[in-house]
Amino acid sequence: MNFFQVLSQNFIGYFIYTIYSLIVVHYSIFLSKRFNVIDYPKTKRKIHKTPTPLIGFFYFLLTFFIILIWLLYSYNLSYKLIFSFVFGLLFNSFVGLIDDKSSLTANSRIVIFIIIFSVSISLNDTFLIQTIRSDLIDSKIILSFSFAFTFTILCYLLLLNSLNLSDGINGLAILIAIIWLFVISIFSIKLFQLINLLLIINLLILLVFNLKSKIFLGSSGINFIATYICFITVFTFNFSNNFMYEHIFLLFMIPGVDMMRVFFMRILSGKNPFTPDKNHFHHLLIKRYNLSKSLLIYFSLMLIPILFFLFQKNYVIHLIFGEFILYCMIIKKLLAK
């Protein structure tokens, strides 16, 4: 069953969920103001001019999180899998809420994330990358537990950080997450196609408010989305023989490569790689173009190779190299004075 069949067969339910989520947005704004979870533009790094509610924790907790638990339970999945899922989502999001309020250091965040992901994986190995499966090799390579555990945690941290670092201009992180969820859904089982679509609805609603600078996701919202995508990507990889390493790399490539580029630039400059700055791809774009054109360029670079891949999976390696070369060319142009 494909993604659009799932939508058509559950249209009334999705419509009701959309109305409910729209109502919750306004209540989440109230809660953010009530508990002073606000992004104040106190530093030069901030682009926005007015204090903006960070509603991610309240919004996802009151909408998607509740439905997720109910659906996982109703499909008779193991309690360990459900608890593993819930534990990672809830605690990573709560860490983000604390960060939104008091700005945790990068090192403390990483240590906490490692602990949370470690507990989730220990509870259920469904979210553990256990094999290497690629179009370039004919056989499946089974990883040792210790290597698989370390490798999975590293991948989770990289994905979480790449989405966090892309949250620099309105709409960007939300649109990235929508693209990721849509593509992953093509390879997912029916249950997660249904669940992914619920989260896409949430993100589309937030996108409207975010583009108008009415709300921000905050670290809590980004952590929630990124953690969910981490788990669902590995789950889908483990249960789909058609979802390969190259496919995942192409999907996450632009935010990931840009994160590594900025990290290396900071290290070469003698700075802490986690020191915030405005040298990311989206920052360079917004310096030269308006928001609409910046988003268009970013998503053209990211989305066009993915669309080609969906119709021509045999050329995924060519698409990866082509996208990387094009990214380098655009960065070089943006950095030229």
C-alpha atoms as a PDB file:
ATOM      1  CA  MET A   1       0.000   0.000   0.000  1.00  0.00           C
ATOM      2  CA  ASN A   2       1.436   3.390  -0.965  1.00  0.00           C
ATOM      3  CA  PHE A   3       1.470   6.666   0.911  1.00  0.00           C
ATOM      4  CA  PHE A   4      -1.478   8.225  -0.938  1.00  0.00           C
ATOM      5  CA  GLN A   5      -3.697   5.180  -0.446  1.00  0.00           C
ATOM      6  CA  VAL A   6      -3.125   5.458   3.294  1.00  0.00           C
ATOM      7  CA  LEU A   7      -4.183   9.122   3.108  1.00  0.00           C
ATOM      8  CA  SER A   8      -7.328   8.437   1.060  1.00  0.00           C
ATOM      9  CA  GLN A   9      -8.471   5.534   3.249  1.00  0.00           C
ATOM     10  CA  ASN A  10      -8.134   7.546   6.459  1.00  0.00           C
ATOM     11  CA  PHE A  11      -9.098  10.982   5.150  1.00  0.00           C
ATOM     12  CA  ILE A  12     -11.789  11.761   7.748  1.00  0.00           C
ATOM     13  CA  GLY A  13      -9.489  10.825  10.606  1.00  0.00           C
ATOM     14  CA  TYR A  14      -6.677  12.968   9.229  1.00  0.00           C
ATOM     15  CA  PHE A  15      -9.078  15.885   8.743  1.00  0.00           C
ATOM     16  CA  ILE A  16     -10.227  15.707  12.372  1.00  0.00           C
ATOM     17  CA  TYR A  17      -6.609  15.418  13.505  1.00  0.00           C
ATOM     18  CA  THR A  18      -5.736  18.529  11.477  1.00  0.00           C
ATOM     19  CA  ILE A  19      -8.494  20.589  13.118  1.00  0.00           C
ATOM     20  CA  TYR A  20      -7.454  19.363  16.560  1.00  0.00           C
ATOM     21  CA  SER A  21      -3.793  20.188  15.853  1.00  0.00           C
ATOM     22  CA  LEU A  22      -4.702  23.705  14.716  1.00  0.00           C
ATOM     23  CA  ILE A  23      -6.458  24.285  18.030  1.00  0.00           C
ATOM     24  CA  VAL A  24      -3.482  22.907  19.970  1.00  0.00           C
ATOM     25  CA  VAL A  25      -1.099  25.352  18.230  1.00  0.00           C
ATOM     26  CA  HIS A  26      -2.821  28.276  19.909  1.00  0.00           C
ATOM     27  CA  TYR A  27      -2.897  26.538  23.286  1.00  0.00           C
ATOM     28  CA  SER A  28       0.807  25.662  22.891  1.00  0.00           C
ATOM     29  CA  ILE A  29       1.600  29.339  22.283  1.00  0.00           C
ATOM     30  CA  PHE A  30      -0.242  30.159  25.516  1.00  0.00           C
ATOM     31  CA  LEU A  31       1.742  27.484  27.436  1.00  0.00           C
ATOM     32  CA  SER A  32       5.049  28.720  25.998  1.00  0.00           C
ATOM     33  CA  LYS A  33       4.315  32.237  27.181  1.00  0.00           C
ATOM     34  CA  ARG A  34       2.990  30.977  30.518  1.00  0.00           C
ATOM     35  CA  PHE A  35       6.215  29.060  31.240  1.00  0.00           C
ATOM     36  CA  ASN A  36       8.431  31.664  29.539  1.00  0.00           C
ATOM     37  CA  VAL A  37       9.712  29.277  26.866  1.00  0.00           C
ATOM     38  CA  ILE A  38      10.517  32.178  24.550  1.00  0.00           C
ATOM     39  CA  ASP A  39      13.327  32.846  22.068  1.00  0.00           C
ATOM     40  CA  TYR A  40      14.566  36.359  22.809  1.00  0.00           C
ATOM     41  CA  PRO A  41      16.759  37.901  20.063  1.00  0.00           C
ATOM     42  CA  LYS A  42      19.566  38.887  22.431  1.00  0.00           C
ATOM     43  CA  THR A  43      22.556  37.919  20.260  1.00  0.00           C
ATOM     44  CA  LYS A  44      23.750  38.987  16.810  1.00  0.00           C
ATOM     45  CA  ARG A  45      23.345  35.388  15.635  1.00  0.00           C
ATOM     46  CA  LYS A  46      19.562  35.725  15.946  1.00  0.00           C
ATOM     47  CA  ILE A  47      17.796  36.713  12.736  1.00  0.00           C
ATOM     48  CA  HIS A  48      14.326  37.414  14.177  1.00  0.00           C
ATOM     49  CA  LYS A  49      13.584  40.762  15.832  1.00  0.00           C
ATOM     50  CA  THR A  50      10.849  40.001  18.380  1.00  0.00           C
ATOM     51  CA  PRO A  51      10.465  37.441  21.206  1.00  0.00           C
ATOM     52  CA  THR A  52       8.951  34.282  19.731  1.00  0.00           C
ATOM     53  CA  PRO A  53       7.275  31.329  21.533  1.00  0.00           C
ATOM     54  CA  LEU A  54       9.102  27.975  21.340  1.00  0.00           C
ATOM     55  CA  ILE A  55       6.133  25.610  21.215  1.00  0.00           C
ATOM     56  CA  GLY A  56       7.655  22.306  20.055  1.00  0.00           C
ATOM     57  CA  PHE A  57       7.518  20.438  23.373  1.00  0.00           C
ATOM     58  CA  PHE A  58       3.917  21.357  24.201  1.00  0.00           C
ATOM     59  CA  TYR A  59       2.614  20.961  20.655  1.00  0.00           C
ATOM     60  CA  PHE A  60       4.020  17.512  19.905  1.00  0.00           C
ATOM     61  CA  LEU A  61       3.238  16.232  23.393  1.00  0.00           C
ATOM     62  CA  LEU A  62      -0.440  17.206  23.075  1.00  0.00           C
ATOM     63  CA  THR A  63      -0.913  16.008  19.484  1.00  0.00           C
ATOM     64  CA  PHE A  64       1.391  13.494  17.830  1.00  0.00           C
ATOM     65  CA  PHE A  65       2.882  11.891  20.952  1.00  0.00           C
ATOM     66  CA  ILE A  66      -0.486  10.785  22.342  1.00  0.00           C
ATOM     67  CA  ILE A  67      -1.687   9.343  19.009  1.00  0.00           C
ATOM     68  CA  LEU A  68       1.669   7.628  18.451  1.00  0.00           C
ATOM     69  CA  ILE A  69       1.427   5.703  21.725  1.00  0.00           C
ATOM     70  CA  TRP A  70      -2.167   4.686  20.987  1.00  0.00           C
ATOM     71  CA  LEU A  71      -1.358   3.453  17.472  1.00  0.00           C
ATOM     72  CA  LEU A  72       1.735   1.527  18.546  1.00  0.00           C
ATOM     73  CA  TYR A  73      -0.321  -0.123  21.285  1.00  0.00           C
ATOM     74  CA  SER A  74      -3.330  -0.868  19.048  1.00  0.00           C
ATOM     75  CA  TYR A  75      -1.124  -2.666  16.504  1.00  0.00           C
ATOM     76  CA  ASN A  76       0.049  -5.056  19.244  1.00  0.00           C
ATOM     77  CA  LEU A  77       3.705  -4.110  19.014  1.00  0.00           C
ATOM     78  CA  SER A  78       5.909  -5.292  21.853  1.00  0.00           C
ATOM     79  CA  TYR A  79       5.850  -3.260  25.051  1.00  0.00           C
ATOM     80  CA  LYS A  80       9.625  -3.000  24.935  1.00  0.00           C
ATOM     81  CA  LEU A  81       9.487  -1.409  21.469  1.00  0.00           C
ATOM     82  CA  ILE A  82       6.783   1.037  22.563  1.00  0.00           C
ATOM     83  CA  PHE A  83       8.627   1.971  25.750  1.00  0.00           C
ATOM     84  CA  SER A  84      11.906   2.356  23.825  1.00  0.00           C
ATOM     85  CA  PHE A  85      10.205   4.676  21.332  1.00  0.00           C
ATOM     86  CA  VAL A  86       8.430   6.697  24.020  1.00  0.00           C
ATOM     87  CA  PHE A  87      11.516   6.957  26.229  1.00  0.00           C
ATOM     88  CA  GLY A  88      13.733   8.386  23.479  1.00  0.00           C
ATOM     89  CA  LEU A  89      11.143  10.832  22.163  1.00  0.00           C
ATOM     90  CA  LEU A  90      10.004  12.105  25.540  1.00  0.00           C
ATOM     91  CA  PHE A  91      13.395  12.543  27.194  1.00  0.00           C
ATOM     92  CA  ASN A  92      15.210  14.026  24.174  1.00  0.00           C
ATOM     93  CA  SER A  93      12.350  16.476  23.785  1.00  0.00           C
ATOM     94  CA  PHE A  94      12.459  17.308  27.499  1.00  0.00           C
ATOM     95  CA  VAL A  95      16.216  17.955  27.253  1.00  0.00           C
ATOM     96  CA  GLY A  96      15.376  20.367  24.440  1.00  0.00           C
ATOM     97  CA  LEU A  97      12.826  22.102  26.661  1.00  0.00           C
ATOM     98  CA  ILE A  98      15.476  22.600  29.336  1.00  0.00           C
ATOM     99  CA  ASP A  99      17.846  23.898  26.659  1.00  0.00           C
ATOM    100  CA  ASP A 100      15.187  26.319  25.416  1.00  0.00           C
ATOM    101  CA  LYS A 101      14.845  27.687  28.949  1.00  0.00           C
ATOM    102  CA  SER A 102      18.447  27.729  30.169  1.00  0.00           C
ATOM    103  CA  SER A 103      20.800  27.011  27.214  1.00  0.00           C
ATOM    104  CA  LEU A 104      22.680  23.811  28.022  1.00  0.00           C
ATOM    105  CA  THR A 105      26.292  23.507  26.865  1.00  0.00           C
ATOM    106  CA  ALA A 106      26.990  21.456  23.726  1.00  0.00           C
ATOM    107  CA  ASN A 107      29.041  18.906  25.652  1.00  0.00           C
ATOM    108  CA  SER A 108      26.333  18.334  28.248  1.00  0.00           C
ATOM    109  CA  ARG A 109      23.705  17.895  25.537  1.00  0.00           C
ATOM    110  CA  ILE A 110      25.807  15.299  23.731  1.00  0.00           C
ATOM    111  CA  VAL A 111      26.428  13.294  26.911  1.00  0.00           C
ATOM    112  CA  ILE A 112      22.715  13.311  27.771  1.00  0.00           C
ATOM    113  CA  PHE A 113      21.731  12.310  24.227  1.00  0.00           C
ATOM    114  CA  ILE A 114      24.208   9.419  24.287  1.00  0.00           C
ATOM    115  CA  ILE A 115      22.671   8.167  27.546  1.00  0.00           C
ATOM    116  CA  ILE A 116      19.097   8.487  26.268  1.00  0.00           C
ATOM    117  CA  PHE A 117      19.808   6.790  22.929  1.00  0.00           C
ATOM    118  CA  SER A 118      21.784   4.064  24.695  1.00  0.00           C
ATOM    119  CA  VAL A 119      18.842   3.288  26.962  1.00  0.00           C
ATOM    120  CA  SER A 120      16.394   3.247  24.026  1.00  0.00           C
ATOM    121  CA  ILE A 121      18.559   0.863  22.008  1.00  0.00           C
ATOM    122  CA  SER A 122      19.169  -1.344  25.036  1.00  0.00           C
ATOM    123  CA  LEU A 123      15.432  -1.649  25.586  1.00  0.00           C
ATOM    124  CA  ASN A 124      14.804  -2.806  22.018  1.00  0.00           C
ATOM    125  CA  ASP A 125      17.319  -3.700  19.306  1.00  0.00           C
ATOM    126  CA  THR A 126      14.788  -2.854  16.584  1.00  0.00           C
ATOM    127  CA  PHE A 127      16.370   0.600  16.608  1.00  0.00           C
ATOM    128  CA  LEU A 128      19.904  -0.801  16.299  1.00  0.00           C
ATOM    129  CA  ILE A 129      21.718  -0.770  12.938  1.00  0.00           C
ATOM    130  CA  GLN A 130      22.683  -4.430  12.834  1.00  0.00           C
ATOM    131  CA  THR A 131      23.814  -4.913   9.225  1.00  0.00           C
ATOM    132  CA  ILE A 132      25.513  -3.211   6.298  1.00  0.00           C
ATOM    133  CA  ARG A 133      23.391  -3.514   3.185  1.00  0.00           C
ATOM    134  CA  SER A 134      24.379  -1.644   0.048  1.00  0.00           C
ATOM    135  CA  ASP A 135      23.808  -1.615  -3.701  1.00  0.00           C
ATOM    136  CA  LEU A 136      27.583  -1.842  -4.094  1.00  0.00           C
ATOM    137  CA  ILE A 137      27.876  -5.221  -2.399  1.00  0.00           C
ATOM    138  CA  ASP A 138      25.986  -8.445  -3.079  1.00  0.00           C
ATOM    139  CA  SER A 139      25.914  -9.728   0.495  1.00  0.00           C
ATOM    140  CA  LYS A 140      24.655  -8.491   3.850  1.00  0.00           C
ATOM    141  CA  ILE A 141      27.378  -7.821   6.433  1.00  0.00           C
ATOM    142  CA  ILE A 142      26.304  -8.495  10.017  1.00  0.00           C
ATOM    143  CA  LEU A 143      27.890  -6.125  12.533  1.00  0.00           C
ATOM    144  CA  SER A 144      29.146  -7.119  15.958  1.00  0.00           C
ATOM    145  CA  PHE A 145      26.969  -5.815  18.784  1.00  0.00           C
ATOM    146  CA  SER A 146      29.600  -3.437  20.175  1.00  0.00           C
ATOM    147  CA  PHE A 147      30.335  -1.887  16.768  1.00  0.00           C
ATOM    148  CA  ALA A 148      26.636  -1.746  15.831  1.00  0.00           C
ATOM    149  CA  PHE A 149      25.796  -0.029  19.134  1.00  0.00           C
ATOM    150  CA  THR A 150      28.523   2.600  18.760  1.00  0.00           C
ATOM    151  CA  PHE A 151      27.786   3.159  15.065  1.00  0.00           C
ATOM    152  CA  THR A 152      24.048   3.583  15.704  1.00  0.00           C
ATOM    153  CA  ILE A 153      24.596   6.140  18.480  1.00  0.00           C
ATOM    154  CA  LEU A 154      26.980   8.081  16.223  1.00  0.00           C
ATOM    155  CA  CYS A 155      24.463   8.120  13.364  1.00  0.00           C
ATOM    156  CA  TYR A 156      21.709   9.287  15.704  1.00  0.00           C
ATOM    157  CA  LEU A 157      23.857  12.117  17.063  1.00  0.00           C
ATOM    158  CA  LEU A 158      24.848  13.245  13.559  1.00  0.00           C
ATOM    159  CA  LEU A 159      21.258  13.303  12.330  1.00  0.00           C
ATOM    160  CA  LEU A 160      20.002  15.100  15.432  1.00  0.00           C
ATOM    161  CA  ASN A 161      22.750  17.716  15.176  1.00  0.00           C
ATOM    162  CA  SER A 162      22.306  18.228  11.435  1.00  0.00           C
ATOM    163  CA  LEU A 163      18.594  18.987  11.849  1.00  0.00           C
ATOM    164  CA  ASN A 164      19.305  21.237  14.845  1.00  0.00           C
ATOM    165  CA  LEU A 165      21.906  23.193  12.887  1.00  0.00           C
ATOM    166  CA  SER A 166      19.581  23.594   9.912  1.00  0.00           C
ATOM    167  CA  ASP A 167      17.054  25.384  12.120  1.00  0.00           C
ATOM    168  CA  GLY A 168      18.434  28.820  11.282  1.00  0.00           C
ATOM    169  CA  ILE A 169      15.853  30.362   8.980  1.00  0.00           C
ATOM    170  CA  ASN A 170      12.086  30.084   9.014  1.00  0.00           C
ATOM    171  CA  GLY A 171      10.634  26.955   7.470  1.00  0.00           C
ATOM    172  CA  LEU A 172      13.902  25.188   6.690  1.00  0.00           C
ATOM    173  CA  ALA A 173      14.046  22.458   9.353  1.00  0.00           C
ATOM    174  CA  ILE A 174      10.325  21.779   8.979  1.00  0.00           C
ATOM    175  CA  LEU A 175      10.552  21.351   5.203  1.00  0.00           C
ATOM    176  CA  ILE A 176      13.623  19.134   5.538  1.00  0.00           C
ATOM    177  CA  ALA A 177      11.752  16.906   7.993  1.00  0.00           C
ATOM    178  CA  ILE A 178       8.725  16.703   5.675  1.00  0.00           C
ATOM    179  CA  ILE A 179      10.914  15.544   2.778  1.00  0.00           C
ATOM    180  CA  TRP A 180      12.644  12.958   4.965  1.00  0.00           C
ATOM    181  CA  LEU A 181       9.360  11.578   6.299  1.00  0.00           C
ATOM    182  CA  PHE A 182       7.773  11.393   2.857  1.00  0.00           C
ATOM    183  CA  VAL A 183      10.663   9.440   1.315  1.00  0.00           C
ATOM    184  CA  ILE A 184      11.043   7.102   4.301  1.00  0.00           C
ATOM    185  CA  SER A 185       7.300   6.397   4.115  1.00  0.00           C
ATOM    186  CA  ILE A 186       7.712   4.968   0.615  1.00  0.00           C
ATOM    187  CA  PHE A 187       9.761   2.135   2.118  1.00  0.00           C
ATOM    188  CA  SER A 188       7.889   1.836   5.436  1.00  0.00           C
ATOM    189  CA  ILE A 189       5.267  -0.633   6.586  1.00  0.00           C
ATOM    190  CA  LYS A 190       1.627   0.513   6.566  1.00  0.00           C
ATOM    191  CA  LEU A 191       1.582   1.401  10.278  1.00  0.00           C
ATOM    192  CA  PHE A 192       4.446   3.858   9.956  1.00  0.00           C
ATOM    193  CA  GLN A 193       3.129   5.284   6.709  1.00  0.00           C
ATOM    194  CA  LEU A 194       0.007   6.173   8.700  1.00  0.00           C
ATOM    195  CA  ILE A 195       2.013   7.578  11.615  1.00  0.00           C
ATOM    196  CA  ASN A 196       4.428   9.509   9.374  1.00  0.00           C
ATOM    197  CA  LEU A 197       1.519  11.212   7.661  1.00  0.00           C
ATOM    198  CA  LEU A 198       0.212  12.401  11.029  1.00  0.00           C
ATOM    199  CA  LEU A 199       3.555  14.017  11.767  1.00  0.00           C
ATOM    200  CA  ILE A 200       3.654  15.570   8.285  1.00  0.00           C
ATOM    201  CA  ILE A 201       0.254  17.150   9.003  1.00  0.00           C
ATOM    202  CA  ASN A 202       1.660  18.569  12.252  1.00  0.00           C
ATOM    203  CA  LEU A 203       4.674  19.948  10.414  1.00  0.00           C
ATOM    204  CA  LEU A 204       2.615  21.544   7.634  1.00  0.00           C
ATOM    205  CA  ILE A 205       0.504  23.339  10.238  1.00  0.00           C
ATOM    206  CA  LEU A 206       3.616  24.549  12.039  1.00  0.00           C
ATOM    207  CA  LEU A 207       5.160  25.627   8.723  1.00  0.00           C
ATOM    208  CA  VAL A 208       2.390  28.166   8.134  1.00  0.00           C
ATOM    209  CA  PHE A 209       2.944  29.778  11.545  1.00  0.00           C
ATOM    210  CA  ASN A 210       6.730  29.488  11.352  1.00  0.00           C
ATOM    211  CA  LEU A 211       7.015  31.213   7.969  1.00  0.00           C
ATOM    212  CA  LYS A 212       5.121  34.146   9.494  1.00  0.00           C
ATOM    213  CA  SER A 213       7.518  34.135  12.510  1.00  0.00           C
ATOM    214  CA  LYS A 214       4.595  33.458  14.862  1.00  0.00           C
ATOM    215  CA  ILE A 215       6.241  30.405  16.450  1.00  0.00           C
ATOM    216  CA  PHE A 216       9.528  28.477  16.531  1.00  0.00           C
ATOM    217  CA  LEU A 217       9.955  24.774  17.175  1.00  0.00           C
ATOM    218  CA  GLY A 218      12.773  25.305  19.632  1.00  0.00           C
ATOM    219  CA  SER A 219      15.298  22.652  20.586  1.00  0.00           C
ATOM    220  CA  SER A 220      12.510  20.565  22.113  1.00  0.00           C
ATOM    221  CA  GLY A 221      10.595  20.406  18.838  1.00  0.00           C
ATOM    222  CA  ILE A 222      13.682  19.749  16.728  1.00  0.00           C
ATOM    223  CA  ASN A 223      14.860  17.030  19.132  1.00  0.00           C
ATOM    224  CA  PHE A 224      11.448  15.383  19.010  1.00  0.00           C
ATOM    225  CA  ILE A 225      11.327  15.328  15.212  1.00  0.00           C
ATOM    226  CA  ALA A 226      14.953  14.254  14.811  1.00  0.00           C
ATOM    227  CA  THR A 227      14.624  11.443  17.369  1.00  0.00           C
ATOM    228  CA  TYR A 228      11.501  10.144  15.658  1.00  0.00           C
ATOM    229  CA  ILE A 229      13.226  10.208  12.261  1.00  0.00           C
ATOM    230  CA  CYS A 230      16.268   8.416  13.729  1.00  0.00           C
ATOM    231  CA  PHE A 231      14.118   5.582  15.035  1.00  0.00           C
ATOM    232  CA  ILE A 232      11.849   5.287  12.002  1.00  0.00           C
ATOM    233  CA  THR A 233      14.790   5.321   9.569  1.00  0.00           C
ATOM    234  CA  VAL A 234      16.579   2.459  11.326  1.00  0.00           C
ATOM    235  CA  PHE A 235      13.313   0.539  11.801  1.00  0.00           C
ATOM    236  CA  THR A 236      12.561   0.879   8.083  1.00  0.00           C
ATOM    237  CA  PHE A 237      16.121  -0.068   7.122  1.00  0.00           C
ATOM    238  CA  ASN A 238      15.930  -3.189   9.269  1.00  0.00           C
ATOM    239  CA  PHE A 239      12.586  -4.321   7.848  1.00  0.00           C
ATOM    240  CA  SER A 240      12.858  -3.280   4.185  1.00  0.00           C
ATOM    241  CA  ASN A 241      15.232  -5.018   1.785  1.00  0.00           C
ATOM    242  CA  ASN A 242      14.877  -2.123  -0.688  1.00  0.00           C
ATOM    243  CA  PHE A 243      16.122   0.639   1.629  1.00  0.00           C
ATOM    244  CA  MET A 244      19.926   0.758   1.274  1.00  0.00           C
ATOM    245  CA  TYR A 245      22.797   2.745   2.820  1.00  0.00           C
ATOM    246  CA  GLU A 246      23.198   4.844  -0.323  1.00  0.00           C
ATOM    247  CA  HIS A 247      19.517   5.778  -0.258  1.00  0.00           C
ATOM    248  CA  ILE A 248      19.781   6.968   3.334  1.00  0.00           C
ATOM    249  CA  PHE A 249      22.969   8.915   2.599  1.00  0.00           C
ATOM    250  CA  LEU A 250      21.372  10.708  -0.364  1.00  0.00           C
ATOM    251  CA  LEU A 251      18.318  11.550   1.731  1.00  0.00           C
ATOM    252  CA  PHE A 252      20.287  13.114   4.602  1.00  0.00           C
ATOM    253  CA  MET A 253      23.201  14.373   2.529  1.00  0.00           C
ATOM    254  CA  ILE A 254      22.849  18.159   2.271  1.00  0.00           C
ATOM    255  CA  PRO A 255      22.195  18.966   5.973  1.00  0.00           C
ATOM    256  CA  GLY A 256      24.817  16.374   6.972  1.00  0.00           C
ATOM    257  CA  VAL A 257      27.557  17.514   4.592  1.00  0.00           C
ATOM    258  CA  ASP A 258      26.915  21.157   5.470  1.00  0.00           C
ATOM    259  CA  MET A 259      27.216  20.323   9.166  1.00  0.00           C
ATOM    260  CA  MET A 260      30.578  18.598   8.590  1.00  0.00           C
ATOM    261  CA  ARG A 261      31.847  21.498   6.446  1.00  0.00           C
ATOM    262  CA  VAL A 262      31.073  24.029   9.168  1.00  0.00           C
ATOM    263  CA  PHE A 263      32.559  21.797  11.875  1.00  0.00           C
ATOM    264  CA  PHE A 264      35.835  21.487   9.936  1.00  0.00           C
ATOM    265  CA  MET A 265      35.923  25.245   9.279  1.00  0.00           C
ATOM    266  CA  ARG A 266      35.570  25.939  13.008  1.00  0.00           C
ATOM    267  CA  ILE A 267      38.257  23.417  13.922  1.00  0.00           C
ATOM    268  CA  LEU A 268      40.674  24.854  11.344  1.00  0.00           C
ATOM    269  CA  SER A 269      40.012  28.299  12.816  1.00  0.00           C
ATOM    270  CA  GLY A 270      40.897  27.031  16.290  1.00  0.00           C
ATOM    271  CA  LYS A 271      37.295  27.178  17.520  1.00  0.00           C
ATOM    272  CA  ASN A 272      35.120  24.646  19.282  1.00  0.00           C
ATOM    273  CA  PRO A 273      33.207  22.798  16.506  1.00  0.00           C
ATOM    274  CA  PHE A 274      29.978  23.396  18.445  1.00  0.00           C
ATOM    275  CA  THR A 275      30.452  27.166  18.671  1.00  0.00           C
ATOM    276  CA  PRO A 276      27.417  28.724  16.950  1.00  0.00           C
ATOM    277  CA  ASP A 277      27.977  30.998  13.960  1.00  0.00           C
ATOM    278  CA  LYS A 278      26.273  32.076  10.728  1.00  0.00           C
ATOM    279  CA  ASN A 279      28.355  30.134   8.188  1.00  0.00           C
ATOM    280  CA  HIS A 280      25.862  27.394   7.378  1.00  0.00           C
ATOM    281  CA  PHE A 281      24.511  26.951   3.870  1.00  0.00           C
ATOM    282  CA  HIS A 282      21.167  28.530   4.779  1.00  0.00           C
ATOM    283  CA  HIS A 283      22.896  31.494   6.463  1.00  0.00           C
ATOM    284  CA  LEU A 284      24.979  32.139   3.353  1.00  0.00           C
ATOM    285  CA  LEU A 285      21.848  31.955   1.217  1.00  0.00           C
ATOM    286  CA  ILE A 286      19.820  34.349   3.381  1.00  0.00           C
ATOM    287  CA  LYS A 287      22.656  36.898   3.310  1.00  0.00           C
ATOM    288  CA  ARG A 288      22.377  37.118  -0.456  1.00  0.00           C
ATOM    289  CA  TYR A 289      18.738  36.289  -1.184  1.00  0.00           C
ATOM    290  CA  ASN A 290      15.332  36.680   0.445  1.00  0.00           C
ATOM    291  CA  LEU A 291      13.704  33.855   2.414  1.00  0.00           C
ATOM    292  CA  SER A 292      11.652  32.475  -0.490  1.00  0.00           C
ATOM    293  CA  LYS A 293      14.593  32.285  -2.875  1.00  0.00           C
ATOM    294  CA  SER A 294      16.877  30.849  -0.179  1.00  0.00           C
ATOM    295  CA  LEU A 295      14.403  28.046   0.538  1.00  0.00           C
ATOM    296  CA  LEU A 296      13.916  27.435  -3.184  1.00  0.00           C
ATOM    297  CA  ILE A 297      17.662  27.042  -3.817  1.00  0.00           C
ATOM    298  CA  TYR A 298      18.178  24.825  -0.777  1.00  0.00           C
ATOM    299  CA  PHE A 299      15.297  22.510  -1.609  1.00  0.00           C
ATOM    300  CA  SER A 300      16.002  22.379  -5.316  1.00  0.00           C
ATOM    301  CA  LEU A 301      19.482  21.107  -4.470  1.00  0.00           C
ATOM    302  CA  MET A 302      18.104  18.622  -1.958  1.00  0.00           C
ATOM    303  CA  LEU A 303      14.869  17.522  -3.606  1.00  0.00           C
ATOM    304  CA  ILE A 304      15.715  17.152  -7.310  1.00  0.00           C
ATOM    305  CA  PRO A 305      18.263  14.323  -6.783  1.00  0.00           C
ATOM    306  CA  ILE A 306      15.806  12.603  -4.429  1.00  0.00           C
ATOM    307  CA  LEU A 307      13.047  12.762  -7.047  1.00  0.00           C
ATOM    308  CA  PHE A 308      15.401  11.325  -9.674  1.00  0.00           C
ATOM    309  CA  PHE A 309      16.319   8.582  -7.211  1.00  0.00           C
ATOM    310  CA  LEU A 310      12.684   7.604  -6.636  1.00  0.00           C
ATOM    311  CA  PHE A 311      12.316   6.869 -10.345  1.00  0.00           C
ATOM    312  CA  GLN A 312      15.860   5.675 -11.116  1.00  0.00           C
ATOM    313  CA  LYS A 313      17.275   3.889  -8.052  1.00  0.00           C
ATOM    314  CA  ASN A 314      20.148   2.409 -10.079  1.00  0.00           C
ATOM    315  CA  TYR A 315      21.770   5.842 -10.381  1.00  0.00           C
ATOM    316  CA  VAL A 316      21.908   6.676  -6.669  1.00  0.00           C
ATOM    317  CA  ILE A 317      25.734   6.804  -6.594  1.00  0.00           C
ATOM    318  CA  HIS A 318      25.797   9.172  -9.570  1.00  0.00           C
ATOM    319  CA  LEU A 319      23.209  11.354  -7.855  1.00  0.00           C
ATOM    320  CA  ILE A 320      25.263  11.499  -4.649  1.00  0.00           C
ATOM    321  CA  PHE A 321      28.391  12.646  -6.499  1.00  0.00           C
ATOM    322  CA  GLY A 322      26.435  15.087  -8.635  1.00  0.00           C
ATOM    323  CA  GLU A 323      24.677  16.627  -5.646  1.00  0.00           C
ATOM    324  CA  PHE A 324      27.938  16.943  -3.729  1.00  0.00           C
ATOM    325  CA  ILE A 325      29.704  18.689  -6.637  1.00  0.00           C
ATOM    326  CA  LEU A 326      26.781  21.063  -7.121  1.00  0.00           C
ATOM    327  CA  TYR A 327      26.696  21.835  -3.386  1.00  0.00           C
ATOM    328  CA  CYS A 328      30.433  22.675  -3.459  1.00  0.00           C
ATOM    329  CA  MET A 329      29.949  24.944  -6.471  1.00  0.00           C
ATOM    330  CA  ILE A 330      27.105  26.857  -4.821  1.00  0.00           C
ATOM    331  CA  ILE A 331      29.037  27.224  -1.547  1.00  0.00           C
ATOM    332  CA  LYS A 332      32.069  28.525  -3.457  1.00  0.00           C
ATOM    333  CA  LYS A 333      29.893  31.104  -5.205  1.00  0.00           C
ATOM    334  CA  LEU A 334      28.213  32.199  -1.966  1.00  0.00           C
ATOM    335  CA  LEU A 335      31.566  32.587  -0.187  1.00  0.00           C
ATOM    336  CA  ALA A 336      33.064  34.624  -3.054  1.00  0.00           C
ATOM    337  CA  LYS A 337      33.176  38.322  -2.295  1.00  0.00           C
END
